[in-house]
Amino acid sequence: MRILVWGAAGAVGSRVAREAVARGHQVTSVGRSGPVRGDAADPDDVARLSAGHDVVISATRPRPGSEGELVAAAKGLLIGLRGSGVRLILVGGAASLIVPGAEVQLVDSPGFPVELRPIALACNEQYDVVRAAGDLDWTYVSPPALLEPGERTGRYRKGYDHLVTDAHGNSTISMEDFAIALVDEAERAEHVRQRFTVGY
């Protein structure tokens, strides 16, 4: 497959690019610096760079204070890919996932860090924008509550609108295994026009 990765210099994007290359896919890595540069919020950039690809995986992440860029990038990707036949897999946030047992969104759960609310609310708005796109094959992937660099184990469990938690109530996955889930979705297209999440 020909896969274009936005945010390929970032923690998640770089791992997605490596995972896809290791499986024999042809990967175009796009970032704000590096050989291939582009702005995901610019539909013209998106259309130009995505041409000829099968799937676009977007793993862009704004700097603190620029959370609104998430929504702008989602809109740019959706407009730029419209009518292209290229699938979009968008790495989103966990904030809108339901906490099992409590039945509230993670962002509204007791103890949710105040400093994370701006990015959490931006992710929720990003998800709303994507869900409203009825003319594009998109997949929105929410990480678990904790996503950190770690080991590539090759295992994960899927969920949909609820956090995936283990027997102790922990919701976590390594970035390496998260990348596996993203490339699996690129290959299998199991969740078209749908959100899913993963965890151990």
Protein backbone atom coordinates (compact mmCIF):
# COMPACT_ATOMS: atom_id res chain seq x y z
CA MET A 1 0.00 0.00 0.00
CA ARG A 2 0.98 3.64 -0.37
CA ILE A 3 0.51 5.32 3.00
CA LEU A 4 0.99 9.01 3.75
CA VAL A 5 1.68 9.89 7.38
CA TRP A 6 1.07 13.43 8.66
CA GLY A 7 2.97 14.29 11.83
CA ALA A 8 5.61 11.69 10.95
CA ALA A 9 8.25 13.43 13.06
CA GLY A 10 6.14 13.07 16.20
CA ALA A 11 6.10 10.32 18.81
CA VAL A 12 3.15 8.41 17.33
CA GLY A 13 3.64 9.34 13.68
CA SER A 14 7.27 8.21 13.61
CA ARG A 15 6.32 4.83 15.02
CA VAL A 16 3.48 4.45 12.52
CA ALA A 17 5.86 5.21 9.66
CA ARG A 18 8.40 2.65 10.93
CA GLU A 19 5.72 -0.01 11.44
CA ALA A 20 4.32 0.51 7.94
CA VAL A 21 7.77 0.41 6.31
CA ALA A 22 8.63 -2.76 8.23
CA ARG A 23 5.56 -4.40 6.69
CA GLY A 24 6.67 -3.47 3.19
CA HIS A 25 4.40 -0.51 2.57
CA GLN A 26 5.52 2.58 0.70
CA VAL A 27 5.40 5.47 3.16
CA THR A 28 5.46 9.22 2.57
CA SER A 29 6.31 11.06 5.78
CA VAL A 30 5.01 14.62 6.00
CA GLY A 31 5.79 17.22 8.62
CA ARG A 32 6.43 20.89 9.14
CA SER A 33 10.11 20.17 8.68
CA GLY A 34 12.00 17.50 6.76
CA PRO A 35 12.10 16.50 3.10
CA VAL A 36 8.32 16.51 2.58
CA ARG A 37 6.63 19.50 4.15
CA GLY A 38 2.97 20.31 4.36
CA ASP A 39 0.24 21.83 6.48
CA ALA A 40 -2.64 19.47 7.25
CA ALA A 41 -4.91 22.49 7.73
CA ASP A 42 -4.36 23.50 4.10
CA PRO A 43 -6.72 21.52 1.82
CA ASP A 44 -4.51 22.25 -1.19
CA ASP A 45 -1.46 20.77 0.55
CA VAL A 46 -3.52 17.76 1.58
CA ALA A 47 -4.86 17.15 -1.93
CA ARG A 48 -1.44 17.59 -3.55
CA LEU A 49 0.51 15.37 -1.17
CA SER A 50 -2.15 12.67 -0.83
CA ALA A 51 -2.59 12.10 -4.56
CA GLY A 52 -1.73 8.53 -5.51
CA HIS A 53 -1.90 7.18 -1.97
CA ASP A 54 -4.27 4.55 -0.62
CA VAL A 55 -4.49 5.75 2.97
CA VAL A 56 -3.64 8.90 4.91
CA ILE A 57 -2.81 8.49 8.60
CA SER A 58 -2.80 11.75 10.53
CA ALA A 59 -1.00 11.85 13.87
CA THR A 60 -0.50 15.59 14.22
CA ARG A 61 -0.34 17.07 17.72
CA PRO A 62 -0.37 20.80 18.51
CA ARG A 63 1.87 22.52 20.99
CA PRO A 64 0.29 23.65 24.28
CA GLY A 65 -1.65 26.83 23.65
CA SER A 66 -2.35 25.92 20.02
CA GLU A 67 -4.97 23.24 20.63
CA GLY A 68 -7.29 24.78 18.02
CA GLU A 69 -4.89 23.53 15.35
CA LEU A 70 -6.35 20.05 15.86
CA VAL A 71 -9.73 21.11 14.53
CA ALA A 72 -8.20 23.15 11.71
CA ALA A 73 -6.12 20.14 10.63
CA ALA A 74 -9.15 17.85 10.72
CA LYS A 75 -11.10 20.25 8.50
CA GLY A 76 -8.16 20.63 6.10
CA LEU A 77 -7.76 16.88 5.78
CA LEU A 78 -11.46 16.27 5.22
CA ILE A 79 -11.75 18.97 2.56
CA GLY A 80 -8.48 18.06 0.88
CA LEU A 81 -9.36 14.36 0.62
CA ARG A 82 -12.96 14.87 -0.49
CA GLY A 83 -13.66 12.95 -3.68
CA SER A 84 -10.14 11.49 -3.83
CA GLY A 85 -10.99 7.92 -2.85
CA VAL A 86 -8.17 8.05 -0.27
CA ARG A 87 -9.10 6.75 3.19
CA LEU A 88 -8.33 8.85 6.27
CA ILE A 89 -7.26 7.39 9.60
CA LEU A 90 -7.13 10.12 12.22
CA VAL A 91 -5.44 9.76 15.59
CA GLY A 92 -7.71 11.51 18.03
CA GLY A 93 -8.06 11.76 21.78
CA ALA A 94 -9.40 9.66 24.62
CA ALA A 95 -11.41 12.44 26.27
CA SER A 96 -14.74 11.50 24.67
CA LEU A 97 -14.48 7.82 25.63
CA ILE A 98 -16.84 6.58 28.33
CA VAL A 99 -15.28 5.38 31.60
CA PRO A 100 -16.59 1.84 32.28
CA GLY A 101 -18.80 1.72 35.35
CA ALA A 102 -18.94 5.48 35.79
CA GLU A 103 -20.62 6.01 32.38
CA VAL A 104 -19.23 9.52 32.00
CA GLN A 105 -16.77 10.79 29.43
CA LEU A 106 -13.17 10.61 30.54
CA VAL A 107 -12.83 14.41 30.40
CA ASP A 108 -15.71 14.72 32.90
CA SER A 109 -14.47 12.03 35.28
CA PRO A 110 -13.26 12.92 38.79
CA GLY A 111 -9.59 13.72 38.94
CA PHE A 112 -9.15 14.46 35.24
CA PRO A 113 -6.10 16.78 35.10
CA VAL A 114 -7.10 20.42 34.67
CA GLU A 115 -4.05 21.10 32.52
CA LEU A 116 -5.21 18.52 29.99
CA ARG A 117 -8.68 19.96 29.50
CA PRO A 118 -7.76 22.28 26.60
CA ILE A 119 -6.35 19.44 24.47
CA ALA A 120 -9.14 17.11 25.61
CA LEU A 121 -11.88 19.52 24.56
CA ALA A 122 -10.09 20.20 21.26
CA CYS A 123 -10.02 16.45 20.60
CA ASN A 124 -13.75 16.24 21.29
CA GLU A 125 -14.39 19.02 18.80
CA GLN A 126 -12.09 17.28 16.32
CA TYR A 127 -14.17 14.09 16.67
CA ASP A 128 -17.39 16.06 16.09
CA VAL A 129 -15.95 17.51 12.87
CA VAL A 130 -14.92 14.08 11.59
CA ARG A 131 -18.25 12.45 12.43
CA ALA A 132 -20.05 15.09 10.36
CA ALA A 133 -18.08 14.13 7.24
CA GLY A 134 -20.50 11.95 5.33
CA ASP A 135 -18.66 11.96 2.02
CA LEU A 136 -15.32 10.45 3.03
CA ASP A 137 -14.12 7.08 4.30
CA TRP A 138 -12.68 8.05 7.68
CA THR A 139 -11.65 6.16 10.81
CA TYR A 140 -11.14 7.93 14.13
CA VAL A 141 -8.81 6.15 16.54
CA SER A 142 -8.91 7.11 20.21
CA PRO A 143 -5.94 6.08 22.33
CA PRO A 144 -6.41 4.74 25.86
CA ALA A 145 -6.08 7.04 28.87
CA LEU A 146 -2.31 6.51 28.98
CA LEU A 147 -0.22 6.38 25.80
CA GLU A 148 3.54 6.29 26.31
CA PRO A 149 6.68 5.02 24.58
CA GLY A 150 7.34 1.42 25.49
CA GLU A 151 7.64 -2.11 24.21
CA ARG A 152 6.31 -3.52 20.95
CA THR A 153 4.41 -6.60 22.17
CA GLY A 154 2.18 -7.06 19.13
CA ARG A 155 -0.96 -7.35 21.23
CA TYR A 156 -3.90 -5.09 21.95
CA ARG A 157 -7.64 -5.26 22.55
CA LYS A 158 -10.24 -3.13 20.79
CA GLY A 159 -13.18 -1.12 22.04
CA TYR A 160 -15.52 1.43 20.57
CA ASP A 161 -16.98 4.16 22.77
CA HIS A 162 -15.72 2.88 26.13
CA LEU A 163 -12.16 2.97 27.45
CA VAL A 164 -10.41 -0.38 27.13
CA THR A 165 -9.24 -1.26 30.64
CA ASP A 166 -7.44 -4.22 32.17
CA ALA A 167 -8.49 -6.20 35.23
CA HIS A 168 -7.11 -3.47 37.49
CA GLY A 169 -8.96 -0.66 35.72
CA ASN A 170 -5.87 0.65 33.93
CA SER A 171 -6.30 2.00 30.41
CA THR A 172 -2.94 2.02 28.67
CA ILE A 173 -0.91 0.94 25.65
CA SER A 174 2.59 1.56 24.34
CA MET A 175 3.01 3.87 21.36
CA GLU A 176 4.62 0.94 19.57
CA ASP A 177 1.51 -1.25 19.92
CA PHE A 178 -0.74 1.71 19.14
CA ALA A 179 1.14 2.05 15.85
CA ILE A 180 0.46 -1.62 15.14
CA ALA A 181 -3.28 -1.01 15.60
CA LEU A 182 -3.17 1.95 13.22
CA VAL A 183 -1.34 0.07 10.47
CA ASP A 184 -3.63 -2.94 10.98
CA GLU A 185 -6.58 -0.63 10.32
CA ALA A 186 -4.86 0.77 7.22
CA GLU A 187 -4.49 -2.75 5.88
CA ARG A 188 -7.88 -4.17 6.89
CA ALA A 189 -10.29 -1.20 6.77
CA GLU A 190 -12.42 -2.75 9.51
CA HIS A 191 -13.78 0.50 10.98
CA VAL A 192 -14.70 2.73 8.06
CA ARG A 193 -16.77 5.77 9.16
CA GLN A 194 -16.40 4.58 12.73
CA ARG A 195 -14.40 5.29 15.88
CA PHE A 196 -12.51 2.62 17.76
CA THR A 197 -10.03 2.55 20.59
CA VAL A 198 -7.42 0.11 21.86
CA GLY A 199 -5.69 -0.89 25.07
CA TYR A 200 -4.19 -3.86 26.84
